[in-house]
PDB file of N, CA and C in Angstrom:
ATOM      1  N   MET A   1     115.315 113.842 145.854  1.00  0.00           N
ATOM      2  CA  MET A   1     114.229 112.797 146.501  1.00  0.00           C
ATOM      3  C   MET A   1     112.955 113.314 146.032  1.00  0.00           C
ATOM      4  N   GLU A   2     112.657 114.593 146.094  1.00  0.00           N
ATOM      5  CA  GLU A   2     111.369 115.191 145.609  1.00  0.00           C
ATOM      6  C   GLU A   2     111.369 114.952 144.024  1.00  0.00           C
ATOM      7  N   LYS A   3     112.426 115.031 143.389  1.00  0.00           N
ATOM      8  CA  LYS A   3     112.398 114.846 141.874  1.00  0.00           C
ATOM      9  C   LYS A   3     111.866 113.533 141.524  1.00  0.00           C
ATOM     10  N   ASN A   4     112.225 112.477 142.225  1.00  0.00           N
ATOM     11  CA  ASN A   4     111.899 111.201 141.992  1.00  0.00           C
ATOM     12  C   ASN A   4     110.321 110.953 142.335  1.00  0.00           C
ATOM     13  N   ARG A   5     109.905 111.727 143.344  1.00  0.00           N
ATOM     14  CA  ARG A   5     108.509 111.483 143.927  1.00  0.00           C
ATOM     15  C   ARG A   5     107.617 112.087 142.753  1.00  0.00           C
ATOM     16  N   ILE A   6     108.035 113.233 142.098  1.00  0.00           N
ATOM     17  CA  ILE A   6     107.298 113.895 141.152  1.00  0.00           C
ATOM     18  C   ILE A   6     107.220 113.009 140.043  1.00  0.00           C
ATOM     19  N   LYS A   7     108.537 112.380 139.573  1.00  0.00           N
ATOM     20  CA  LYS A   7     108.404 111.575 138.332  1.00  0.00           C
ATOM     21  C   LYS A   7     107.713 110.500 138.692  1.00  0.00           C
ATOM     22  N   ARG A   8     107.485 109.848 139.697  1.00  0.00           N
ATOM     23  CA  ARG A   8     106.757 108.669 139.922  1.00  0.00           C
ATOM     24  C   ARG A   8     105.028 108.929 139.776  1.00  0.00           C
ATOM     25  N   ILE A   9     104.632 110.102 140.467  1.00  0.00           N
ATOM     26  CA  ILE A   9     103.449 110.618 140.242  1.00  0.00           C
ATOM     27  C   ILE A   9     102.952 111.016 138.785  1.00  0.00           C
ATOM     28  N   SER A  10     103.994 111.366 138.089  1.00  0.00           N
ATOM     29  CA  SER A  10     103.514 112.002 136.699  1.00  0.00           C
ATOM     30  C   SER A  10     103.456 110.646 135.953  1.00  0.00           C
ATOM     31  N   THR A  11     104.239 109.640 136.129  1.00  0.00           N
ATOM     32  CA  THR A  11     104.152 108.334 135.482  1.00  0.00           C
ATOM     33  C   THR A  11     102.968 107.540 135.741  1.00  0.00           C
ATOM     34  N   LYS A  12     102.583 107.666 136.876  1.00  0.00           N
ATOM     35  CA  LYS A  12     101.239 107.165 137.435  1.00  0.00           C
ATOM     36  C   LYS A  12     100.120 107.750 136.659  1.00  0.00           C
ATOM     37  N   ILE A  13     100.016 109.160 136.606  1.00  0.00           N
ATOM     38  CA  ILE A  13      99.007 109.850 136.130  1.00  0.00           C
ATOM     39  C   ILE A  13      99.040 109.578 134.552  1.00  0.00           C
ATOM     40  N   ALA A  14     100.111 109.529 133.897  1.00  0.00           N
ATOM     41  CA  ALA A  14     100.132 109.255 132.575  1.00  0.00           C
ATOM     42  C   ALA A  14      99.733 107.814 132.129  1.00  0.00           C
ATOM     43  N   SER A  15     100.029 106.801 133.053  1.00  0.00           N
ATOM     44  CA  SER A  15      99.410 105.570 132.661  1.00  0.00           C
ATOM     45  C   SER A  15      98.047 105.459 133.008  1.00  0.00           C
ATOM     46  N   LEU A  16      97.430 106.067 134.036  1.00  0.00           N
ATOM     47  CA  LEU A  16      96.068 106.058 134.106  1.00  0.00           C
ATOM     48  C   LEU A  16      95.198 107.004 133.094  1.00  0.00           C
ATOM     49  N   LEU A  17      95.856 107.977 132.449  1.00  0.00           N
ATOM     50  CA  LEU A  17      95.228 108.502 131.420  1.00  0.00           C
ATOM     51  C   LEU A  17      95.071 107.690 130.132  1.00  0.00           C
ATOM     52  N   GLY A  18      96.433 106.921 129.900  1.00  0.00           N
ATOM     53  CA  GLY A  18      96.403 106.004 128.919  1.00  0.00           C
ATOM     54  C   GLY A  18      95.375 105.058 128.952  1.00  0.00           C
ATOM     55  N   TYR A  19      95.133 104.267 130.182  1.00  0.00           N
ATOM     56  CA  TYR A  19      94.029 103.359 130.242  1.00  0.00           C
ATOM     57  C   TYR A  19      92.735 104.024 130.191  1.00  0.00           C
ATOM     58  N   VAL A  20      92.528 105.155 130.513  1.00  0.00           N
ATOM     59  CA  VAL A  20      91.220 105.868 130.317  1.00  0.00           C
ATOM     60  C   VAL A  20      90.912 106.061 128.682  1.00  0.00           C
ATOM     61  N   LEU A  21      92.055 106.380 127.982  1.00  0.00           N
ATOM     62  CA  LEU A  21      91.871 106.723 126.618  1.00  0.00           C
ATOM     63  C   LEU A  21      91.769 105.378 125.823  1.00  0.00           C
ATOM     64  N   ILE A  22      92.160 104.333 126.203  1.00  0.00           N
ATOM     65  CA  ILE A  22      92.206 103.046 125.689  1.00  0.00           C
ATOM     66  C   ILE A  22      90.659 102.583 125.969  1.00  0.00           C
ATOM     67  N   LEU A  23      90.215 102.685 127.175  1.00  0.00           N
ATOM     68  CA  LEU A  23      88.792 102.445 127.598  1.00  0.00           C
ATOM     69  C   LEU A  23      87.646 103.102 126.740  1.00  0.00           C
ATOM     70  N   TYR A  24      88.026 104.403 126.566  1.00  0.00           N
ATOM     71  CA  TYR A  24      87.251 105.327 125.514  1.00  0.00           C
ATOM     72  C   TYR A  24      86.939 104.763 124.236  1.00  0.00           C
ATOM     73  N   SER A  25      88.120 104.514 123.637  1.00  0.00           N
ATOM     74  CA  SER A  25      88.103 103.965 122.272  1.00  0.00           C
ATOM     75  C   SER A  25      87.514 102.789 122.160  1.00  0.00           C
ATOM     76  N   VAL A  26      87.658 101.673 123.051  1.00  0.00           N
ATOM     77  CA  VAL A  26      87.039 100.585 122.950  1.00  0.00           C
ATOM     78  C   VAL A  26      85.451 100.447 123.184  1.00  0.00           C
ATOM     79  N   ALA A  27      84.959 101.500 124.204  1.00  0.00           N
ATOM     80  CA  ALA A  27      83.785 101.788 124.420  1.00  0.00           C
ATOM     81  C   ALA A  27      83.075 102.367 123.290  1.00  0.00           C
ATOM     82  N   TYR A  28      83.664 103.132 122.495  1.00  0.00           N
ATOM     83  CA  TYR A  28      83.093 103.895 121.485  1.00  0.00           C
ATOM     84  C   TYR A  28      82.858 102.880 120.233  1.00  0.00           C
ATOM     85  N   TYR A  29      83.809 101.790 120.137  1.00  0.00           N
ATOM     86  CA  TYR A  29      83.474 100.967 118.959  1.00  0.00           C
ATOM     87  C   TYR A  29      82.557  99.938 119.462  1.00  0.00           C
ATOM     88  N   ALA A  30      82.505  99.490 120.789  1.00  0.00           N
ATOM     89  CA  ALA A  30      81.697  98.513 121.305  1.00  0.00           C
ATOM     90  C   ALA A  30      80.179  98.964 121.172  1.00  0.00           C
ATOM     91  N   LEU A  31      79.839 100.404 121.222  1.00  0.00           N
ATOM     92  CA  LEU A  31      78.436 100.790 121.275  1.00  0.00           C
ATOM     93  C   LEU A  31      77.842 100.583 119.797  1.00  0.00           C
ATOM     94  N   ASP A  32      78.651 100.314 118.888  1.00  0.00           N
ATOM     95  CA  ASP A  32      78.149 100.116 117.447  1.00  0.00           C
ATOM     96  C   ASP A  32      77.318  98.761 117.586  1.00  0.00           C
ATOM     97  N   TYR A  33      77.763  97.861 118.407  1.00  0.00           N
ATOM     98  CA  TYR A  33      77.176  96.473 118.434  1.00  0.00           C
ATOM     99  C   TYR A  33      75.921  96.422 119.382  1.00  0.00           C
ATOM    100  N   LEU A  34      75.563  97.496 120.038  1.00  0.00           N
ATOM    101  CA  LEU A  34      74.373  97.448 120.752  1.00  0.00           C
ATOM    102  C   LEU A  34      73.380  97.822 119.987  1.00  0.00           C
ATOM    103  N   PRO A  35      72.042  97.176 120.319  1.00  0.00           N
ATOM    104  CA  PRO A  35      70.710  97.677 119.583  1.00  0.00           C
ATOM    105  C   PRO A  35      70.358  99.043 119.874  1.00  0.00           C
ATOM    106  N   VAL A  36      69.684  99.522 118.940  1.00  0.00           N
ATOM    107  CA  VAL A  36      69.420 101.059 118.933  1.00  0.00           C
ATOM    108  C   VAL A  36      68.603 101.286 120.281  1.00  0.00           C
ATOM    109  N   ASP A  37      67.552 100.365 120.701  1.00  0.00           N
ATOM    110  CA  ASP A  37      66.774 100.670 121.855  1.00  0.00           C
ATOM    111  C   ASP A  37      67.394  99.914 123.150  1.00  0.00           C
ATOM    112  N   PHE A  38      68.749  99.816 123.165  1.00  0.00           N
ATOM    113  CA  PHE A  38      69.228  99.050 124.349  1.00  0.00           C
ATOM    114  C   PHE A  38      68.896  99.766 125.630  1.00  0.00           C
ATOM    115  N   TRP A  39      69.274 101.077 125.632  1.00  0.00           N
ATOM    116  CA  TRP A  39      69.326 101.871 126.894  1.00  0.00           C
ATOM    117  C   TRP A  39      67.601 101.953 127.328  1.00  0.00           C
ATOM    118  N   VAL A  40      66.764 101.930 126.402  1.00  0.00           N
ATOM    119  CA  VAL A  40      65.483 102.153 126.875  1.00  0.00           C
ATOM    120  C   VAL A  40      64.888 100.761 127.475  1.00  0.00           C
ATOM    121  N   ASN A  41      65.364  99.791 126.780  1.00  0.00           N
ATOM    122  CA  ASN A  41      65.053  98.272 127.339  1.00  0.00           C
ATOM    123  C   ASN A  41      65.690  98.160 128.742  1.00  0.00           C
ATOM    124  N   LEU A  42      66.955  98.589 128.841  1.00  0.00           N
ATOM    125  CA  LEU A  42      67.355  98.586 130.226  1.00  0.00           C
ATOM    126  C   LEU A  42      66.811  99.386 131.179  1.00  0.00           C
ATOM    127  N   ARG A  43      66.291 100.498 130.908  1.00  0.00           N
ATOM    128  CA  ARG A  43      65.460 101.362 131.960  1.00  0.00           C
ATOM    129  C   ARG A  43      64.136 100.601 132.133  1.00  0.00           C
ATOM    130  N   ASN A  44      63.446 100.130 131.223  1.00  0.00           N
ATOM    131  CA  ASN A  44      62.330  99.457 131.377  1.00  0.00           C
ATOM    132  C   ASN A  44      62.587  98.227 132.270  1.00  0.00           C
ATOM    133  N   LEU A  45      63.538  97.405 132.147  1.00  0.00           N
ATOM    134  CA  LEU A  45      63.806  96.322 133.037  1.00  0.00           C
ATOM    135  C   LEU A  45      64.049  96.690 134.212  1.00  0.00           C
ATOM    136  N   ILE A  46      64.728  97.709 134.518  1.00  0.00           N
ATOM    137  CA  ILE A  46      64.927  98.085 136.079  1.00  0.00           C
ATOM    138  C   ILE A  46      63.748  98.948 136.504  1.00  0.00           C
ATOM    139  N   GLY A  47      62.909  99.811 135.697  1.00  0.00           N
ATOM    140  CA  GLY A  47      62.143 100.543 136.375  1.00  0.00           C
ATOM    141  C   GLY A  47      60.611 100.059 136.064  1.00  0.00           C
ATOM    142  N   ASN A  48      60.371  98.936 135.323  1.00  0.00           N
ATOM    143  CA  ASN A  48      59.086  98.455 134.896  1.00  0.00           C
ATOM    144  C   ASN A  48      58.338  99.550 134.335  1.00  0.00           C
ATOM    145  N   ASP A  49      58.967 100.260 133.353  1.00  0.00           N
ATOM    146  CA  ASP A  49      58.160 101.408 132.790  1.00  0.00           C
ATOM    147  C   ASP A  49      57.809 100.828 131.278  1.00  0.00           C
ATOM    148  N   GLU A  50      56.639 100.927 130.926  1.00  0.00           N
ATOM    149  CA  GLU A  50      56.300 100.521 129.536  1.00  0.00           C
ATOM    150  C   GLU A  50      56.333 101.562 128.573  1.00  0.00           C
ATOM    151  N   SER A  51      57.536 101.915 128.282  1.00  0.00           N
ATOM    152  CA  SER A  51      57.454 103.294 127.388  1.00  0.00           C
ATOM    153  C   SER A  51      57.173 102.606 125.769  1.00  0.00           C
ATOM    154  N   HIS A  52      56.526 103.377 125.006  1.00  0.00           N
ATOM    155  CA  HIS A  52      56.469 102.940 123.558  1.00  0.00           C
ATOM    156  C   HIS A  52      57.138 103.941 122.751  1.00  0.00           C
ATOM    157  N   THR A  53      58.367 103.806 122.695  1.00  0.00           N
ATOM    158  CA  THR A  53      59.330 104.804 121.954  1.00  0.00           C
ATOM    159  C   THR A  53      59.506 103.994 120.472  1.00  0.00           C
ATOM    160  N   TYR A  54      59.385 104.670 119.627  1.00  0.00           N
ATOM    161  CA  TYR A  54      59.769 104.274 118.242  1.00  0.00           C
ATOM    162  C   TYR A  54      61.158 104.865 117.832  1.00  0.00           C
ATOM    163  N   TYR A  55      61.930 104.144 117.384  1.00  0.00           N
ATOM    164  CA  TYR A  55      63.328 104.523 116.757  1.00  0.00           C
ATOM    165  C   TYR A  55      63.351 104.402 115.429  1.00  0.00           C
ATOM    166  N   LYS A  56      63.818 105.321 114.562  1.00  0.00           N
ATOM    167  CA  LYS A  56      63.740 105.189 113.096  1.00  0.00           C
ATOM    168  C   LYS A  56      65.367 105.154 112.950  1.00  0.00           C
ATOM    169  N   ILE A  57      65.902 104.181 112.181  1.00  0.00           N
ATOM    170  CA  ILE A  57      67.309 104.081 112.107  1.00  0.00           C
ATOM    171  C   ILE A  57      67.507 104.868 110.897  1.00  0.00           C
ATOM    172  N   VAL A  58      68.483 106.011 110.948  1.00  0.00           N
ATOM    173  CA  VAL A  58      68.737 106.715 109.899  1.00  0.00           C
ATOM    174  C   VAL A  58      70.508 106.531 109.659  1.00  0.00           C
ATOM    175  N   PRO A  59      70.815 106.542 108.531  1.00  0.00           N
ATOM    176  CA  PRO A  59      72.188 106.550 108.297  1.00  0.00           C
ATOM    177  C   PRO A  59      72.904 107.861 108.799  1.00  0.00           C
ATOM    178  N   THR A  60      74.035 107.754 109.527  1.00  0.00           N
ATOM    179  CA  THR A  60      74.775 108.744 109.964  1.00  0.00           C
ATOM    180  C   THR A  60      76.170 108.841 109.492  1.00  0.00           C
ATOM    181  N   GLU A  61      76.907 109.887 109.428  1.00  0.00           N
ATOM    182  CA  GLU A  61      78.350 110.055 109.033  1.00  0.00           C
ATOM    183  C   GLU A  61      79.131 109.440 110.035  1.00  0.00           C
ATOM    184  N   GLU A  62      80.216 108.918 109.652  1.00  0.00           N
ATOM    185  CA  GLU A  62      81.385 108.251 110.439  1.00  0.00           C
ATOM    186  C   GLU A  62      82.036 109.259 111.241  1.00  0.00           C
ATOM    187  N   VAL A  63      82.359 109.115 112.355  1.00  0.00           N
ATOM    188  CA  VAL A  63      83.178 110.063 112.941  1.00  0.00           C
ATOM    189  C   VAL A  63      84.547 110.217 112.467  1.00  0.00           C
ATOM    190  N   GLY A  64      85.189 109.182 112.094  1.00  0.00           N
ATOM    191  CA  GLY A  64      86.427 109.197 111.638  1.00  0.00           C
ATOM    192  C   GLY A  64      87.535 108.363 112.426  1.00  0.00           C
ATOM    193  N   ALA A  65      88.607 108.882 112.552  1.00  0.00           N
ATOM    194  CA  ALA A  65      89.646 108.092 113.152  1.00  0.00           C
ATOM    195  C   ALA A  65      89.861 108.601 114.461  1.00  0.00           C
ATOM    196  N   TYR A  66      88.960 109.397 115.176  1.00  0.00           N
ATOM    197  CA  TYR A  66      89.176 110.155 116.446  1.00  0.00           C
ATOM    198  C   TYR A  66      89.310 108.941 117.620  1.00  0.00           C
ATOM    199  N   PRO A  67      88.648 107.733 117.686  1.00  0.00           N
ATOM    200  CA  PRO A  67      88.791 106.752 118.619  1.00  0.00           C
ATOM    201  C   PRO A  67      90.155 106.211 118.339  1.00  0.00           C
ATOM    202  N   LEU A  68      90.498 105.958 116.928  1.00  0.00           N
ATOM    203  CA  LEU A  68      91.897 105.503 116.855  1.00  0.00           C
ATOM    204  C   LEU A  68      93.013 106.274 117.342  1.00  0.00           C
ATOM    205  N   VAL A  69      92.814 107.547 117.080  1.00  0.00           N
ATOM    206  CA  VAL A  69      93.868 108.441 117.705  1.00  0.00           C
ATOM    207  C   VAL A  69      93.893 108.249 119.265  1.00  0.00           C
ATOM    208  N   SER A  70      92.800 108.328 119.817  1.00  0.00           N
ATOM    209  CA  SER A  70      92.741 108.110 121.371  1.00  0.00           C
ATOM    210  C   SER A  70      93.388 106.788 121.734  1.00  0.00           C
ATOM    211  N   LEU A  71      93.198 105.730 120.980  1.00  0.00           N
ATOM    212  CA  LEU A  71      93.724 104.543 121.187  1.00  0.00           C
ATOM    213  C   LEU A  71      95.379 104.478 121.096  1.00  0.00           C
ATOM    214  N   GLY A  72      95.807 105.076 119.980  1.00  0.00           N
ATOM    215  CA  GLY A  72      97.196 105.387 119.890  1.00  0.00           C
ATOM    216  C   GLY A  72      97.826 106.035 121.031  1.00  0.00           C
ATOM    217  N   ILE A  73      97.220 107.236 121.335  1.00  0.00           N
ATOM    218  CA  ILE A  73      97.850 108.130 122.458  1.00  0.00           C
ATOM    219  C   ILE A  73      97.773 107.465 123.702  1.00  0.00           C
ATOM    220  N   GLY A  74      96.609 106.540 123.940  1.00  0.00           N
ATOM    221  CA  GLY A  74      96.694 105.765 125.333  1.00  0.00           C
ATOM    222  C   GLY A  74      97.694 104.851 125.391  1.00  0.00           C
ATOM    223  N   ILE A  75      98.041 104.030 124.370  1.00  0.00           N
ATOM    224  CA  ILE A  75      98.942 103.075 124.141  1.00  0.00           C
ATOM    225  C   ILE A  75     100.212 103.726 124.408  1.00  0.00           C
ATOM    226  N   SER A  76     100.639 104.880 123.607  1.00  0.00           N
ATOM    227  CA  SER A  76     102.040 105.369 123.826  1.00  0.00           C
ATOM    228  C   SER A  76     102.126 106.180 125.257  1.00  0.00           C
ATOM    229  N   MET A  77     101.022 106.522 125.737  1.00  0.00           N
ATOM    230  CA  MET A  77     101.242 106.945 127.305  1.00  0.00           C
ATOM    231  C   MET A  77     101.433 105.850 128.274  1.00  0.00           C
ATOM    232  N   ILE A  78     101.064 104.735 128.128  1.00  0.00           N
ATOM    233  CA  ILE A  78     101.247 103.730 128.831  1.00  0.00           C
ATOM    234  C   ILE A  78     102.721 103.174 128.664  1.00  0.00           C
ATOM    235  N   LEU A  79     102.950 103.112 127.416  1.00  0.00           N
ATOM    236  CA  LEU A  79     104.440 102.683 127.147  1.00  0.00           C
ATOM    237  C   LEU A  79     105.420 103.613 127.659  1.00  0.00           C
ATOM    238  N   PHE A  80     105.166 104.980 127.553  1.00  0.00           N
ATOM    239  CA  PHE A  80     106.059 105.771 128.050  1.00  0.00           C
ATOM    240  C   PHE A  80     106.071 105.826 129.497  1.00  0.00           C
ATOM    241  N   SER A  81     105.169 105.623 130.205  1.00  0.00           N
ATOM    242  CA  SER A  81     105.118 105.734 131.668  1.00  0.00           C
ATOM    243  C   SER A  81     105.824 104.317 132.286  1.00  0.00           C
ATOM    244  N   LYS A  82     105.550 103.158 131.415  1.00  0.00           N
ATOM    245  CA  LYS A  82     106.384 101.993 131.737  1.00  0.00           C
ATOM    246  C   LYS A  82     107.764 102.039 131.610  1.00  0.00           C
ATOM    247  N   ILE A  83     108.232 102.641 130.358  1.00  0.00           N
ATOM    248  CA  ILE A  83     109.611 103.045 130.139  1.00  0.00           C
ATOM    249  C   ILE A  83     110.308 103.800 131.057  1.00  0.00           C
ATOM    250  N   PHE A  84     109.804 105.054 131.473  1.00  0.00           N
ATOM    251  CA  PHE A  84     110.218 106.127 132.352  1.00  0.00           C
ATOM    252  C   PHE A  84     110.258 105.665 133.748  1.00  0.00           C
ATOM    253  N   GLY A  85     109.079 104.705 134.133  1.00  0.00           N
ATOM    254  CA  GLY A  85     109.014 104.332 135.488  1.00  0.00           C
ATOM    255  C   GLY A  85     109.910 103.237 135.809  1.00  0.00           C
ATOM    256  N   SER A  86     110.146 102.497 134.889  1.00  0.00           N
ATOM    257  CA  SER A  86     111.449 101.342 134.991  1.00  0.00           C
ATOM    258  C   SER A  86     112.720 101.999 135.230  1.00  0.00           C
ATOM    259  N   LYS A  87     112.963 103.255 134.432  1.00  0.00           N
ATOM    260  CA  LYS A  87     114.276 103.708 134.561  1.00  0.00           C
ATOM    261  C   LYS A  87     114.571 104.641 135.730  1.00  0.00           C
ATOM    262  N   SER A  88     113.493 105.106 136.371  1.00  0.00           N
ATOM    263  CA  SER A  88     113.692 105.622 137.631  1.00  0.00           C
ATOM    264  C   SER A  88     113.813 104.714 138.643  1.00  0.00           C
ATOM    265  N   SER A  89     113.134 103.507 138.693  1.00  0.00           N
ATOM    266  CA  SER A  89     113.460 102.553 139.722  1.00  0.00           C
ATOM    267  C   SER A  89     114.762 102.028 139.562  1.00  0.00           C
ATOM    268  N   ILE A  90     115.269 101.970 138.371  1.00  0.00           N
ATOM    269  CA  ILE A  90     116.787 101.456 138.249  1.00  0.00           C
ATOM    270  C   ILE A  90     117.791 102.525 138.632  1.00  0.00           C
ATOM    271  N   ILE A  91     117.446 103.642 138.540  1.00  0.00           N
ATOM    272  CA  ILE A  91     118.348 104.750 138.969  1.00  0.00           C
ATOM    273  C   ILE A  91     118.353 105.157 140.429  1.00  0.00           C
ATOM    274  N   THR A  92     117.159 104.838 141.159  1.00  0.00           N
ATOM    275  CA  THR A  92     117.005 105.083 142.660  1.00  0.00           C
ATOM    276  C   THR A  92     117.635 103.880 143.228  1.00  0.00           C
ATOM    277  N   SER A  93     117.608 102.615 142.686  1.00  0.00           N
ATOM    278  CA  SER A  93     118.371 101.427 143.550  1.00  0.00           C
ATOM    279  C   SER A  93     119.893 101.381 143.411  1.00  0.00           C
TER     280      SER A  93
END
């Protein structure tokens, strides 16, 4: 009984971490579509602060495939938790 409980908790944690990793990779790529001064404009909208900040857009290096790796790991963690979670429910019934 304790073994099934531990397995259930571990599959829930694995799926939760998988969803967090997917959210991280989607948010990382979504930030590329926001304007440079988005956060300043949002702060000015909320706080009525007239900030005269100048941003110079400079080319930067690409990070690489790190968000893609986190996306792959997240999807695989969710799949493994679904597979092992369904097997444990079949075994116990």
